[in-house]
Amino acid sequence: MPLVEFVATAGREVEAFVETLWRQATQYRAAQTLVGISDYAALAEHFRPEGAGGFVVGKWSGDPSIDGKLAELNLTLRCLPHEQSGTEGRCLVTGKSATLDAVYAKAY
């Protein structure tokens, strides 16, 4: 490929490559994320099988004392998504009223 042609097309090729990687990563994350667990027992059951993983999105009351209970399951609260649902529910760990969406996952 002549240098002039390479320079003319390289930017588009890189953009297409980045778009493909972004789409694949987003699809993979969505496939590994479970939404809809509503309490501690269901959270524990989801992560109980050997090798179970992925992420669970559920409510968190904001209570920092949940770390001990999560540690029993070898889980951590990974992050609070920037885009919150704005809905109210029950904290997956404490059962208290909660409005924050949180991502839970195995601790490694």
Protein backbone atom coordinates (compact mmCIF):
# COMPACT_ATOMS: atom_id res chain seq x y z
CA MET A 1 0.00 0.00 0.00
CA PRO A 2 1.47 3.36 -0.96
CA LEU A 3 2.24 5.72 1.93
CA VAL A 4 -0.22 8.34 0.65
CA GLU A 5 -3.06 5.79 0.66
CA PHE A 6 -2.07 4.53 4.11
CA VAL A 7 -2.11 8.04 5.56
CA ALA A 8 -5.48 8.72 3.95
CA THR A 9 -7.12 5.57 5.37
CA ALA A 10 -5.31 4.89 8.68
CA GLY A 11 -7.51 7.20 10.75
CA ARG A 12 -10.72 5.55 9.55
CA GLU A 13 -9.28 2.08 10.13
CA VAL A 14 -8.27 2.93 13.70
CA GLU A 15 -11.69 4.46 14.42
CA ALA A 16 -13.43 1.33 13.10
CA PHE A 17 -11.15 -0.88 15.20
CA VAL A 18 -11.81 1.14 18.37
CA GLU A 19 -15.56 1.08 17.71
CA THR A 20 -15.47 -2.71 17.34
CA LEU A 21 -13.53 -3.14 20.57
CA TRP A 22 -15.91 -0.80 22.42
CA ARG A 23 -18.98 -2.66 21.13
CA GLN A 24 -17.54 -6.06 22.05
CA ALA A 25 -16.54 -4.90 25.54
CA THR A 26 -19.96 -3.36 26.16
CA GLN A 27 -21.73 -6.53 25.02
CA TYR A 28 -19.47 -8.70 27.18
CA ARG A 29 -20.09 -6.52 30.25
CA ALA A 30 -23.85 -6.66 29.69
CA ALA A 31 -23.73 -10.45 29.34
CA GLN A 32 -21.80 -10.73 32.62
CA THR A 33 -24.12 -8.40 34.60
CA LEU A 34 -27.22 -9.58 36.42
CA VAL A 35 -29.96 -7.13 37.38
CA GLY A 36 -32.99 -8.11 39.43
CA ILE A 37 -31.60 -9.75 42.56
CA SER A 38 -33.55 -8.31 45.45
CA ASP A 39 -32.08 -9.59 48.72
CA TYR A 40 -29.03 -10.99 50.50
CA ALA A 41 -30.12 -14.63 50.18
CA ALA A 42 -30.45 -14.30 46.39
CA LEU A 43 -27.11 -12.46 46.21
CA ALA A 44 -25.44 -15.28 48.17
CA GLU A 45 -27.10 -17.93 46.02
CA HIS A 46 -25.95 -16.27 42.80
CA PHE A 47 -22.30 -16.23 43.86
CA ARG A 48 -22.33 -19.55 45.76
CA PRO A 49 -21.53 -22.00 42.94
CA GLU A 50 -17.83 -22.57 42.50
CA GLY A 51 -16.61 -20.33 39.73
CA ALA A 52 -19.71 -18.12 39.73
CA GLY A 53 -18.79 -14.60 38.84
CA GLY A 54 -19.80 -11.58 36.91
CA PHE A 55 -21.48 -8.56 38.36
CA VAL A 56 -24.76 -7.94 40.16
CA VAL A 57 -26.41 -4.54 40.04
CA GLY A 58 -28.63 -3.91 43.04
CA LYS A 59 -29.51 -1.35 45.65
CA TRP A 60 -27.21 -0.13 48.43
CA SER A 61 -28.39 1.89 51.42
CA GLY A 62 -25.11 3.78 51.74
CA ASP A 63 -24.24 1.92 54.95
CA PRO A 64 -20.45 1.34 54.93
CA SER A 65 -20.76 -1.44 57.51
CA ILE A 66 -21.83 -3.96 54.86
CA ASP A 67 -18.19 -4.88 54.17
CA GLY A 68 -18.17 -7.60 56.84
CA LYS A 69 -21.29 -9.26 55.55
CA LEU A 70 -20.02 -9.07 51.95
CA ALA A 71 -16.69 -10.54 53.07
CA GLU A 72 -18.57 -13.65 54.27
CA LEU A 73 -19.45 -14.24 50.62
CA ASN A 74 -16.04 -13.10 49.34
CA LEU A 75 -17.75 -10.13 47.62
CA THR A 76 -17.06 -6.44 47.37
CA LEU A 77 -19.09 -3.42 46.37
CA ARG A 78 -17.22 -2.47 43.20
CA CYS A 79 -18.69 0.89 42.24
CA LEU A 80 -21.69 3.16 42.14
CA PRO A 81 -22.59 3.64 38.47
CA HIS A 82 -22.48 7.23 37.30
CA GLU A 83 -25.91 6.78 35.73
CA GLN A 84 -28.29 5.93 38.58
CA SER A 85 -31.82 4.60 37.99
CA GLY A 86 -33.42 7.01 40.45
CA THR A 87 -35.62 4.24 41.79
CA GLU A 88 -36.15 3.22 45.38
CA GLY A 89 -35.77 -0.31 46.66
CA ARG A 90 -34.13 -2.36 49.41
CA CYS A 91 -30.41 -2.72 50.03
CA LEU A 92 -29.28 -6.19 48.93
CA VAL A 93 -27.24 -6.59 52.11
CA THR A 94 -29.09 -4.80 54.91
CA GLY A 95 -32.65 -4.77 53.59
CA LYS A 96 -32.87 -1.06 54.46
CA SER A 97 -34.53 1.44 52.16
CA ALA A 98 -32.09 2.37 49.39
CA THR A 99 -31.91 4.60 46.34
CA LEU A 100 -28.30 4.02 45.25
CA ASP A 101 -27.54 1.51 42.50
CA ALA A 102 -24.34 -0.41 43.23
CA VAL A 103 -22.30 -3.09 41.48
CA TYR A 104 -21.35 -6.15 43.53
CA ALA A 105 -18.78 -8.74 42.47
CA LYS A 106 -16.40 -11.44 43.73
CA ALA A 107 -13.31 -10.23 45.55
CA TYR A 108 -10.12 -11.71 44.13
